[in-house]
Protein backbone atom coordinates (compact mmCIF):
# COMPACT_ATOMS: atom_id res chain seq x y z
CA MET A 1 73.49 43.63 136.94
CA SER A 2 74.86 44.75 140.55
CA GLY A 3 73.86 41.07 141.87
CA LEU A 4 74.92 39.02 138.61
CA LEU A 5 73.61 35.76 139.24
CA ASN A 6 72.31 36.19 142.73
CA GLU A 7 69.43 38.40 141.66
CA VAL A 8 68.21 36.02 138.91
CA THR A 9 68.19 32.79 140.66
CA LEU A 10 66.68 34.28 143.77
CA SER A 11 63.86 36.25 141.60
CA TYR A 12 63.31 32.46 139.38
CA VAL A 13 63.30 30.90 143.03
CA ASP A 14 60.36 33.02 144.22
CA ARG A 15 58.38 32.33 140.77
CA LEU A 16 58.93 28.81 141.20
CA VAL A 17 57.23 28.66 144.41
CA GLU A 18 54.44 31.04 144.18
CA ASP A 19 53.65 32.19 148.14
CA ASN A 20 49.95 31.40 147.52
CA GLY A 21 49.37 30.53 151.56
CA ARG A 22 48.77 26.90 150.37
CA ALA A 23 50.91 23.94 151.28
CA LYS A 24 52.72 22.54 148.56
CA VAL A 25 55.11 19.56 147.59
CA LEU A 26 58.09 20.24 145.35
CA LEU A 27 58.85 17.71 143.10
CA LEU A 28 62.45 17.83 141.44
CA ASP A 29 64.76 15.59 138.82
CA SER A 30 68.28 14.62 138.98
CA ASP A 31 69.05 18.07 137.16
CA THR A 32 66.94 20.58 139.09
CA THR A 33 68.09 19.13 142.53
CA ALA A 34 71.69 20.20 142.13
CA ILE A 35 70.45 23.70 140.31
CA LEU A 36 68.04 24.55 143.05
CA SER A 37 70.26 23.58 145.94
CA LEU A 38 72.70 26.14 144.68
CA ALA A 39 69.91 28.66 143.69
CA SER A 40 68.12 28.71 147.10
CA THR A 41 68.20 27.41 151.21
CA GLN A 42 65.83 25.35 152.29
CA SER A 43 64.64 27.92 154.75
CA ARG A 44 63.68 29.99 151.88
CA LEU A 45 61.68 27.34 150.30
CA LEU A 46 59.94 26.77 153.83
CA ARG A 47 58.73 30.20 154.15
CA LYS A 48 57.03 29.57 150.57
CA ASP A 49 54.83 26.82 152.24
CA VAL A 50 57.03 23.92 150.59
CA PHE A 51 55.71 21.06 152.76
CA LEU A 52 57.76 18.26 150.89
CA ILE A 53 60.57 18.12 148.36
CA ASP A 54 60.95 14.48 146.52
CA LYS A 55 61.97 13.33 143.36
CA ILE A 56 59.77 13.14 140.28
CA ASP A 57 61.00 9.58 139.45
CA ASN A 58 60.12 8.25 143.28
CA TYR A 59 56.90 6.32 142.39
CA GLN A 60 56.59 5.11 145.60
CA ARG A 61 55.07 8.39 147.30
CA GLN A 62 52.02 8.30 148.88
CA LYS A 63 48.58 10.48 147.85
CA MET A 64 47.96 13.67 149.25
CA ARG A 65 45.50 15.03 147.35
CA HIS A 66 44.86 17.69 149.66
CA LEU A 67 48.12 19.25 148.72
CA ASP A 68 49.28 21.10 145.73
CA CYS A 69 52.38 19.73 143.53
CA THR A 70 54.96 22.36 141.86
CA VAL A 71 57.14 20.12 139.27
CA PHE A 72 60.50 21.64 138.63
CA VAL A 73 62.67 19.73 135.92
CA ARG A 74 64.79 19.80 132.81
CA PRO A 75 62.69 19.02 129.61
CA THR A 76 64.38 16.11 129.12
CA SER A 77 62.95 12.68 127.56
CA ALA A 78 63.32 10.95 131.04
CA SER A 79 61.85 13.97 133.29
CA ILE A 80 59.03 14.46 130.63
CA SER A 81 58.35 10.48 130.76
CA SER A 82 57.94 11.07 134.72
CA VAL A 83 55.77 14.07 134.18
CA LEU A 84 53.34 12.19 131.93
CA GLU A 85 53.49 9.09 134.50
CA GLU A 86 52.40 11.57 137.63
CA LEU A 87 50.00 13.20 134.93
CA HIS A 88 48.28 9.62 134.48
CA ASP A 89 47.86 8.78 138.25
CA PRO A 90 48.14 12.23 140.02
CA LYS A 91 48.83 12.03 143.65
CA TYR A 92 48.30 15.48 144.35
CA GLY A 93 45.61 17.98 144.03
CA LYS A 94 46.56 20.86 141.44
CA TYR A 95 49.77 20.68 139.73
CA SER A 96 52.27 23.55 138.37
CA LEU A 97 54.67 22.41 135.68
CA VAL A 98 57.66 24.31 135.44
CA PHE A 99 60.48 23.40 133.16
CA SER A 100 64.10 25.11 133.23
CA ASN A 101 64.40 25.44 129.69
CA LEU A 102 62.32 25.87 126.59
CA LEU A 103 59.74 23.11 125.79
CA ARG A 104 59.29 21.58 122.35
CA LYS A 105 55.94 22.02 120.91
CA SER A 106 55.45 17.87 120.62
CA GLN A 107 56.24 17.67 124.62
CA LEU A 108 53.73 20.10 125.55
CA GLU A 109 50.87 18.07 123.41
CA ARG A 110 51.83 14.93 125.07
CA MET A 111 51.71 16.65 128.61
CA ALA A 112 47.90 18.06 127.49
CA GLU A 113 46.47 14.53 126.48
CA ALA A 114 48.08 12.84 129.84
CA ASP A 115 45.89 15.67 132.02
CA ASP A 116 43.10 13.44 132.05
CA TYR A 117 42.46 14.82 135.70
CA SER A 118 42.46 18.32 134.54
CA CYS A 119 44.95 18.86 137.66
CA VAL A 120 47.40 21.07 135.53
CA GLU A 121 47.07 24.72 136.59
CA ARG A 122 50.32 26.23 135.56
CA VAL A 123 52.72 25.22 132.33
CA GLN A 124 55.65 27.62 132.56
CA GLU A 125 59.36 27.28 131.17
CA MET A 126 61.74 29.24 133.47
CA LEU A 127 65.19 29.26 132.33
CA LEU A 128 67.32 28.13 135.12
CA ASP A 129 69.09 25.71 133.54
CA TYR A 130 72.62 26.28 135.12
CA LEU A 131 74.75 25.52 138.31
CA LYS A 132 75.36 28.86 139.85
CA ILE A 133 78.51 28.77 142.26
CA ASN A 134 79.32 32.02 142.84
CA THR A 135 77.62 35.30 141.88
CA ASP A 136 79.44 35.53 138.99
CA PHE A 137 80.35 32.01 138.45
CA PHE A 138 78.37 28.90 137.14
CA HIS A 139 78.62 25.59 135.42
CA CYS A 140 76.82 23.30 133.51
CA ASN A 141 77.50 20.17 135.21
CA VAL A 142 78.89 18.20 132.07
CA PRO A 143 82.21 16.71 133.28
CA ILE A 144 83.07 15.14 129.99
CA PRO A 145 82.08 17.26 127.05
CA TRP A 146 84.12 15.53 124.27
CA ALA A 147 83.91 12.22 122.45
CA SER A 148 86.24 10.40 120.09
CA SER A 149 88.94 13.01 120.34
CA TYR A 150 89.64 16.53 122.07
CA GLN A 151 88.53 18.14 119.01
CA THR A 152 84.96 16.43 118.90
CA TRP A 153 82.03 17.11 120.78
CA ASP A 154 80.02 14.47 122.82
CA THR A 155 76.51 14.89 121.06
CA GLU A 156 74.67 14.86 124.37
CA ALA A 157 76.89 17.23 126.07
CA PHE A 158 76.83 19.50 123.37
CA GLU A 159 72.93 20.27 123.48
CA THR A 160 73.36 20.42 127.05
CA CYS A 161 75.97 23.02 127.17
CA SER A 162 74.36 25.08 124.18
CA GLU A 163 70.90 25.00 126.00
CA SER A 164 72.40 26.14 129.29
CA MET A 165 73.96 28.92 128.01
CA PHE A 166 70.95 30.20 126.15
CA ALA A 167 69.11 30.05 129.29
CA MET A 168 71.97 32.13 131.04
CA ILE A 169 71.84 34.68 128.49
CA ALA A 170 67.97 34.59 128.32
CA SER A 171 67.99 34.79 132.30
CA LEU A 172 70.09 37.71 132.34
CA LYS A 173 67.65 39.73 130.01
CA ILE A 174 70.75 41.19 128.14
CA GLY A 175 69.76 41.04 124.64
CA LYS A 176 71.60 39.08 121.68
CA PRO A 177 75.19 39.33 122.45
CA GLN A 178 78.38 39.04 119.73
CA LEU A 179 79.78 35.86 119.78
CA ARG A 180 83.73 34.96 119.86
CA TYR A 181 85.97 31.77 119.61
CA ASP A 182 89.16 30.50 120.13
CA ILE A 183 90.46 30.14 116.52
CA ASN A 184 92.63 27.08 117.44
CA SER A 185 89.69 25.59 119.24
CA SER A 186 87.07 23.24 116.68
CA LEU A 187 84.97 22.62 119.94
CA SER A 188 84.53 26.36 120.31
CA ARG A 189 84.01 27.06 117.07
CA GLN A 190 81.36 24.99 116.71
CA PHE A 191 79.63 25.68 120.00
CA VAL A 192 78.98 29.55 119.01
CA GLN A 193 77.76 28.77 115.78
CA LYS A 194 75.31 26.38 117.30
CA LEU A 195 74.48 29.18 120.21
CA GLY A 196 74.39 31.80 117.75
CA GLN A 197 71.44 29.63 115.83
CA GLU A 198 69.76 28.98 119.41
CA LEU A 199 69.74 33.00 120.27
CA GLN A 200 68.48 33.41 116.44
CA ALA A 201 65.58 30.85 116.63
CA ASN A 202 64.00 31.87 119.72
CA SER A 203 64.93 36.02 119.43
CA GLY A 204 61.59 36.68 120.10
CA ILE A 205 62.40 36.33 123.99
CA LEU A 206 65.49 38.17 124.35
CA PRO A 207 65.52 41.93 124.85
CA SER A 208 66.22 43.69 121.26
CA SER A 209 68.87 45.99 122.42
CA ASN A 210 71.06 46.63 125.40
CA LYS A 211 71.56 50.82 126.54
CA LYS A 212 74.30 49.88 128.73
CA GLY A 213 76.65 48.59 125.86
CA GLN A 214 77.19 45.66 123.65
CA ASN A 215 77.47 42.52 125.31
CA LEU A 216 79.54 39.64 124.58
CA VAL A 217 80.16 36.03 124.89
CA LEU A 218 83.60 34.42 124.58
CA VAL A 219 83.98 31.01 124.22
CA LEU A 220 87.45 29.22 124.86
CA ASP A 221 88.99 25.61 125.51
CA ARG A 222 90.49 24.35 128.52
CA PHE A 223 93.47 22.65 126.34
CA ASN A 224 94.93 26.09 125.52
CA ASP A 225 95.66 26.15 129.23
CA PRO A 226 96.57 22.79 130.95
CA VAL A 227 99.03 24.53 133.32
CA THR A 228 95.95 26.21 135.65
CA PRO A 229 94.09 22.92 136.41
CA LEU A 230 97.34 20.60 136.81
CA ILE A 231 98.95 23.11 139.67
CA SER A 232 98.08 23.98 143.53
CA HIS A 233 96.21 27.41 144.33
CA TRP A 234 96.33 28.78 147.57
CA THR A 235 93.19 30.71 147.99
CA TYR A 236 90.42 29.44 150.38
CA GLN A 237 87.80 28.27 147.73
CA ALA A 238 90.34 26.79 145.66
CA MET A 239 92.18 24.70 148.32
CA VAL A 240 88.98 23.57 150.00
CA ASP A 241 87.86 22.08 146.07
CA GLU A 242 91.29 20.58 145.64
CA LEU A 243 92.28 19.02 148.79
CA LEU A 244 88.52 18.16 150.11
CA GLY A 245 86.25 18.61 147.41
CA ILE A 246 83.08 21.08 146.91
CA VAL A 247 80.17 19.57 145.53
CA ASN A 248 76.94 21.97 145.09
CA ASN A 249 78.89 24.11 147.62
CA ARG A 250 79.12 21.35 150.29
CA VAL A 251 82.21 20.03 151.92
CA ASP A 252 82.24 16.39 153.16
CA LEU A 253 84.44 16.52 156.44
CA HIS A 254 83.70 12.87 157.70
CA LEU A 255 87.17 11.48 156.84
CA ALA A 256 88.90 14.40 158.63
CA PRO A 257 89.84 14.10 162.43
CA ASP A 258 89.17 16.42 165.13
CA VAL A 259 86.02 17.71 163.54
CA PRO A 260 82.90 18.09 165.66
CA PRO A 261 80.03 15.65 164.65
CA SER A 262 77.74 18.72 163.99
CA HIS A 263 80.42 19.99 160.98
CA ARG A 264 81.05 16.98 159.33
CA GLU A 265 79.19 17.87 156.60
CA ILE A 266 79.26 21.94 155.65
CA VAL A 267 77.81 24.25 153.47
CA LEU A 268 80.33 27.16 151.58
CA SER A 269 78.48 29.78 150.20
CA GLN A 270 79.11 33.37 149.78
CA ASP A 271 75.39 34.09 149.58
CA GLN A 272 74.58 32.69 153.08
CA ASP A 273 78.44 33.11 155.03
CA ALA A 274 79.64 36.77 155.09
CA PHE A 275 83.06 35.62 156.62
CA PHE A 276 83.52 33.17 153.63
CA LYS A 277 82.20 35.82 151.05
CA ASP A 278 85.11 38.26 152.63
CA SER A 279 87.87 35.82 152.77
CA MET A 280 87.06 33.17 149.66
CA PHE A 281 89.64 34.78 147.60
CA LEU A 282 92.25 35.13 150.13
CA ASN A 283 95.56 33.10 150.04
CA PHE A 284 96.41 30.92 152.87
CA GLY A 285 98.46 33.15 154.84
CA ASP A 286 96.16 35.96 155.00
CA LEU A 287 93.32 33.48 155.77
CA GLY A 288 94.90 32.14 159.07
CA ALA A 289 94.82 36.18 160.26
CA ALA A 290 91.22 36.67 158.96
CA VAL A 291 90.30 33.22 160.92
CA ARG A 292 92.38 34.64 164.08
CA ASP A 293 90.32 37.80 163.85
CA TYR A 294 87.01 36.23 163.48
CA VAL A 295 88.03 33.68 166.80
CA GLN A 296 88.81 37.01 168.71
CA HIS A 297 85.35 38.70 167.75
CA TYR A 298 83.24 35.66 168.47
CA SER A 299 85.36 35.64 171.84
CA SER A 300 84.35 39.35 172.44
CA LYS A 301 80.66 38.36 172.09
CA SER A 302 80.87 35.56 174.21
CA LYS A 303 82.22 37.40 177.15
CA SER A 304 79.56 40.06 176.54
CA SER A 305 77.00 37.59 177.19
CA GLU A 306 78.15 36.59 180.64
CA GLN A 307 77.42 39.94 181.84
CA LEU A 308 73.99 39.47 182.36
CA GLU A 309 73.27 41.84 185.61
CA THR A 310 69.74 43.15 184.75
CA VAL A 311 66.50 42.23 183.18
CA ALA A 312 67.00 44.40 180.43
CA ASP A 313 70.83 42.82 179.79
CA ILE A 314 69.07 39.03 179.69
CA LYS A 315 66.28 40.76 177.33
CA LYS A 316 68.74 42.00 175.30
CA PHE A 317 71.00 38.81 174.87
CA VAL A 318 67.69 36.50 174.53
CA ASP A 319 66.98 38.95 171.41
CA MET A 320 70.48 38.63 169.96
CA LEU A 321 70.72 35.06 170.73
CA PRO A 322 69.89 33.49 167.56
CA ASP A 323 72.38 35.68 166.03
CA PHE A 324 75.20 34.76 168.60
CA ARG A 325 74.57 30.46 167.73
CA LYS A 326 75.09 31.39 164.08
CA LEU A 327 78.55 33.19 164.72
CA GLN A 328 79.34 30.39 167.27
CA ASP A 329 78.45 27.70 164.71
CA ASN A 330 80.16 29.86 161.93
CA THR A 331 83.55 30.12 163.68
CA THR A 332 83.43 26.76 164.43
CA LYS A 333 82.93 25.72 161.02
CA HIS A 334 85.90 27.94 159.75
CA VAL A 335 88.24 27.20 162.41
CA SER A 336 87.51 23.29 161.49
CA LEU A 337 87.93 23.63 158.02
CA VAL A 338 90.73 25.73 158.06
CA GLY A 339 92.73 23.36 160.74
CA GLU A 340 92.11 20.86 158.40
CA LEU A 341 93.49 22.40 155.39
CA SER A 342 96.49 23.20 157.42
CA ARG A 343 97.00 19.38 158.49
CA LEU A 344 96.71 18.25 154.84
CA VAL A 345 99.13 21.02 153.44
CA SER A 346 101.93 19.62 156.01
CA GLU A 347 100.69 15.86 155.35
CA GLU A 348 100.90 16.43 151.46
CA HIS A 349 104.19 18.37 151.74
CA LEU A 350 102.30 21.09 149.37
CA LEU A 351 104.71 23.80 150.43
CA GLU A 352 107.58 21.87 148.65
CA VAL A 353 105.40 20.71 145.65
CA SER A 354 104.06 24.12 144.89
CA GLU A 355 107.32 25.28 144.54
CA VAL A 356 108.17 22.74 142.24
CA GLU A 357 104.99 23.46 140.34
CA GLN A 358 105.53 27.31 140.35
CA SER A 359 109.21 26.66 138.83
CA LEU A 360 107.80 24.62 136.37
CA ALA A 361 105.14 26.95 135.17
CA CYS A 362 106.99 30.21 135.42
CA SER A 363 110.50 29.63 134.97
CA ASP A 364 113.47 27.26 132.68
CA ASN A 365 115.54 25.47 135.10
CA HIS A 366 115.51 22.10 133.74
CA SER A 367 118.41 20.70 135.62
CA SER A 368 117.18 21.86 139.26
CA ASP A 369 113.38 21.04 138.32
CA LEU A 370 114.67 17.78 137.42
CA GLN A 371 116.43 16.99 140.53
CA SER A 372 113.43 18.41 142.47
CA ILE A 373 110.96 15.93 140.70
CA ARG A 374 113.03 13.27 141.80
CA LYS A 375 113.03 13.93 145.26
CA LEU A 376 109.16 14.07 145.14
CA ILE A 377 109.11 10.93 143.71
CA ALA A 378 110.85 9.54 145.92
CA LEU A 379 108.88 10.60 149.24
CA PRO A 380 107.02 7.60 150.29
CA ASN A 381 103.88 9.36 151.93
CA LEU A 382 103.07 11.63 148.77
CA SER A 383 100.16 11.10 146.85
CA PRO A 384 100.46 9.36 143.50
CA VAL A 385 98.13 11.96 142.19
CA ILE A 386 100.91 15.00 142.86
CA LYS A 387 103.57 12.90 141.43
CA TYR A 388 101.78 12.19 138.25
CA ARG A 389 100.91 15.64 137.87
CA VAL A 390 104.09 17.09 138.88
CA VAL A 391 105.64 14.87 136.34
CA CYS A 392 103.26 15.96 133.39
CA LEU A 393 103.74 19.37 133.83
CA TYR A 394 107.52 18.75 133.23
CA GLY A 395 106.56 16.78 130.40
CA LEU A 396 104.90 19.80 129.06
CA ARG A 397 107.52 22.35 130.00
CA PHE A 398 110.81 20.56 128.65
CA ARG A 399 108.99 18.45 125.78
CA THR A 400 111.43 19.89 123.27
CA ASN A 401 114.78 20.08 125.45
CA SER A 402 117.48 18.05 124.60
CA GLN A 403 117.57 16.68 127.95
CA PHE A 404 114.30 15.64 128.36
CA GLN A 405 114.12 12.80 131.17
CA PHE A 406 109.93 12.14 130.87
CA GLY A 407 110.44 8.37 130.11
CA GLN A 408 112.64 7.88 132.98
CA LEU A 409 110.38 9.62 135.22
CA MET A 410 107.63 7.89 134.61
CA GLN A 411 109.12 4.57 134.68
CA ALA A 412 109.93 5.47 138.29
CA LEU A 413 106.03 6.16 138.95
CA LYS A 414 105.39 2.80 136.98
CA ILE A 415 107.76 0.73 139.39
CA GLN A 416 106.07 2.41 142.41
CA TYR A 417 102.30 2.09 141.19
CA GLY A 418 102.30 -0.61 138.22
CA ASP A 419 99.82 0.28 135.44
CA ASN A 420 97.24 2.62 136.42
CA ALA A 421 94.74 5.48 135.58
CA LEU A 422 96.99 7.91 136.22
CA ASP A 423 99.66 6.71 133.74
CA SER A 424 96.96 6.84 131.17
CA SER A 425 96.15 10.25 131.91
CA VAL A 426 99.48 11.77 131.71
CA HIS A 427 100.25 9.70 128.58
CA THR A 428 96.96 11.22 127.02
CA LEU A 429 97.67 14.92 127.62
CA MET A 430 101.07 14.40 126.43
CA LYS A 431 99.93 12.92 122.83
CA ILE A 432 97.70 15.76 122.47
CA TYR A 433 100.43 18.49 123.41
CA SER A 434 102.99 16.05 121.40
CA ALA A 435 101.19 17.18 118.06
CA ASN A 436 102.72 21.08 118.32
CA LYS A 437 99.36 22.62 117.61
CA PHE A 438 99.98 23.94 121.32
CA PRO A 439 103.37 25.60 121.20
CA GLN A 440 105.52 25.02 124.48
CA GLU A 441 105.86 28.74 124.80
CA ASP A 442 102.32 29.43 124.56
CA LEU A 443 101.18 27.10 127.44
CA PHE A 444 103.92 28.51 129.76
CA SER A 445 104.35 32.18 128.85
CA GLN A 446 101.74 32.76 126.51
CA GLY A 447 104.16 34.28 124.11
CA SER A 448 104.88 38.05 123.33
CA LEU A 449 100.74 38.80 123.05
CA PHE A 450 100.54 37.76 126.48
CA ASN A 451 103.79 39.46 128.08
CA ARG A 452 102.55 39.93 131.67
CA ALA A 453 104.87 42.84 131.99
CA GLN A 454 102.83 44.58 129.44
CA LEU A 455 99.14 43.80 131.12
CA GLY A 456 97.57 45.83 133.86
CA LEU A 457 94.51 44.20 134.84
CA LYS A 458 94.37 46.38 137.77
CA GLY A 459 93.54 44.70 141.35
CA LEU A 460 94.41 41.06 140.24
CA ARG A 461 97.86 40.59 141.25
CA GLY A 462 97.47 39.89 145.16
CA VAL A 463 100.67 39.37 146.97
CA GLU A 464 103.36 37.87 144.80
CA ASN A 465 105.24 35.07 146.22
CA VAL A 466 107.38 31.83 145.29
CA TYR A 467 103.65 30.03 145.45
CA THR A 468 101.74 32.63 143.49
CA GLN A 469 103.72 33.63 140.18
CA HIS A 470 101.87 31.71 138.02
CA LYS A 471 98.70 33.51 136.63
CA PRO A 472 95.97 31.77 134.66
CA LEU A 473 95.75 32.47 130.98
CA LEU A 474 92.24 34.06 131.50
CA GLU A 475 93.86 36.75 133.28
CA SER A 476 95.63 37.69 130.34
CA ILE A 477 92.67 37.52 127.90
CA LEU A 478 90.54 39.12 130.26
CA SER A 479 93.33 42.12 130.63
CA LEU A 480 92.97 42.24 126.66
CA LEU A 481 89.35 41.77 126.26
CA VAL A 482 88.08 44.51 128.54
CA ARG A 483 90.71 47.48 126.88
CA ASN A 484 88.96 46.03 123.29
CA LYS A 485 93.22 44.57 122.45
CA LEU A 486 92.03 40.93 122.08
CA PRO A 487 93.27 39.94 118.52
CA ILE A 488 90.55 39.39 116.34
CA GLU A 489 92.65 37.05 114.18
CA LYS A 490 93.07 34.51 117.33
CA TYR A 491 89.50 35.45 118.73
CA PRO A 492 87.39 36.07 115.70
CA PHE A 493 83.66 37.25 115.63
CA THR A 494 81.00 34.94 114.54
CA ALA A 495 79.63 38.44 112.41
CA PRO A 496 82.00 41.53 112.05
CA PRO A 497 81.25 43.94 115.15
CA ASN A 498 80.03 47.78 113.65
CA GLY A 499 83.30 49.30 114.58
CA GLU A 500 84.65 49.53 118.46
CA GLN A 501 81.80 49.59 121.10
CA GLU A 502 81.73 49.59 124.68
CA LEU A 503 81.46 46.24 126.41
CA GLY A 504 78.08 45.91 128.45
CA CYS A 505 78.38 42.45 129.97
CA VAL A 506 80.51 39.82 129.34
CA LEU A 507 80.20 35.81 129.34
CA ILE A 508 83.63 33.81 129.17
CA PHE A 509 82.67 30.11 128.84
CA VAL A 510 85.49 27.41 129.05
CA ILE A 511 84.70 24.22 127.17
CA GLY A 512 86.65 21.23 129.20
CA GLY A 513 86.24 22.91 132.83
CA VAL A 514 87.07 25.81 134.71
CA THR A 515 88.79 26.23 137.98
CA PHE A 516 88.25 28.18 140.95
CA GLU A 517 91.41 30.17 140.50
CA GLU A 518 89.95 31.44 137.39
CA ALA A 519 86.73 32.12 138.97
CA ARG A 520 89.12 34.25 141.78
CA VAL A 521 90.26 36.42 138.60
CA VAL A 522 86.59 37.27 137.56
CA GLY A 523 85.38 37.68 141.16
CA GLU A 524 88.03 40.01 142.09
CA TRP A 525 87.82 41.92 138.70
CA ASN A 526 83.82 42.19 139.56
CA LYS A 527 84.60 42.93 143.44
CA LEU A 528 86.17 46.11 142.44
CA GLY A 529 83.41 47.55 140.62
CA ASN A 530 85.19 47.33 137.50
CA THR A 531 82.92 47.56 134.24
CA PRO A 532 82.35 45.45 131.94
CA LYS A 533 80.72 43.13 134.32
CA VAL A 534 82.16 39.43 133.92
CA ILE A 535 80.59 36.28 134.23
CA LEU A 536 82.48 33.12 133.97
CA GLY A 537 81.29 29.49 133.00
CA GLY A 538 82.64 26.16 131.80
CA THR A 539 81.23 22.97 131.20
CA ASP A 540 82.25 21.68 134.68
CA VAL A 541 84.07 22.68 137.68
CA ILE A 542 87.73 21.09 138.01
CA ASN A 543 91.03 20.77 140.05
CA PRO A 544 94.10 18.70 139.34
CA LYS A 545 92.63 15.39 140.38
CA LYS A 546 89.37 15.81 138.40
CA PHE A 547 91.19 16.96 135.52
CA LEU A 548 93.56 13.91 135.21
CA ARG A 549 90.50 11.64 136.24
CA VAL A 550 88.36 12.93 133.37
CA ILE A 551 91.07 12.74 130.81
CA GLU A 552 91.60 9.21 131.88
CA GLU A 553 87.62 8.69 131.91
CA THR A 554 87.17 9.89 128.10
CA ASN A 555 87.25 7.11 125.63
CA TRP A 556 89.39 8.72 122.91
CA SER A 557 90.45 6.83 120.13
């Protein structure tokens, strides 16, 4: 478990494209394209003699019968149909059919019947059915898990997430875990029941036990903490996602001014970038100092390359040239990226915005907060997304206050922007929390149960300042969980445990999406070498813009 998800995904990639010395084609569907892009690099696939990568549903591919083909797809109806179409008219010599999750017997029989040319050499289930972002962070690529209400699963999303979680558990080879859920969430209860059925039905492929402790899956609900995805966060990875967007570890900088053409699209991966690995959880102030030191390191290397006086010096420099160019490219990448973040922080008034957000999240100053929000609304060049989410935070914080001015604030926004999706999103969220199922004190202070003054999750505090006061509810839950103090009446087990047991591996799954700030909490816990090791997952990765957009796009009655 030392490398957590890295070791698992890389071993799967090596098994996927066996190094047999023969040139091969790799066919993917849309799901496995995303999975593989995060699990491996193109250079790693090239070293495995992958000559061409294409989509399984691209029927215009030319025939190259001298090449082998590996097909890697999710066992969905659409992908199985594409595989059958391929076998009816094979374009390559031999096929290896690899599926990211368990096949049904009927699917296997249909493929056997379609193999008229006897070109299939291998059929394999390889349980890599999730998107690995960090070494301890994944998601299921399900943006909208809900159906008719926030308490009802979408059927397809339910199946996808349960299959992905089963694949995660099986791929880690950690044995059958105990299952816990949030008592207030019908979605989490349904999910652990479904997951328990999947684990029982397929227990034969799971290890019988784990000598390193009892493994645990804890399922949480996003709506028990709407504050974390609504406020700005100031660590590198979280800022890039909120301000620029991260899609499968790629960042699009085409609209950013003063960025070199070679860096209009960049990759941010802790597996491939040592600087990013070391700095991804730094706050913005410390990040600036780290980038400065990185530039100075490059500068010193650059100056040493100018002192070529002997043949030995030249030979040494040529040998180091690939590493030097990589350092040069990486330095330019991070300088460009941090420069763009700095520009956006200034342009979007994010320091002022964050101060208001933190006050709403961590204090109870209605009069001064209301005045600050009105000033933000009046700023002509401030993004409407920021204005609406600040008003939303106000609504959640002060909805029981006798001086509540939510309606007036929303009317001021309506005058500026008219009827729009953001207006609908905020009203939907307020409707959910107005039913008092989520008490106001639980949303913002987590009540006496989660009093932060009583918690001691070593290593997760960081530098306290006005912009980083708020801590995700997940941090409090994790602190209690690792000390075996998480209340069973609030987070019950699906089956009673046999006394208090030492935890082995903990998987935390958030229905409704998980943030990079919560990934930081888990990442820093693991980075310190703490036990148990924790892996965080969710239906999708969200940030303030995406959270409001997903709420708006959900068809709730």
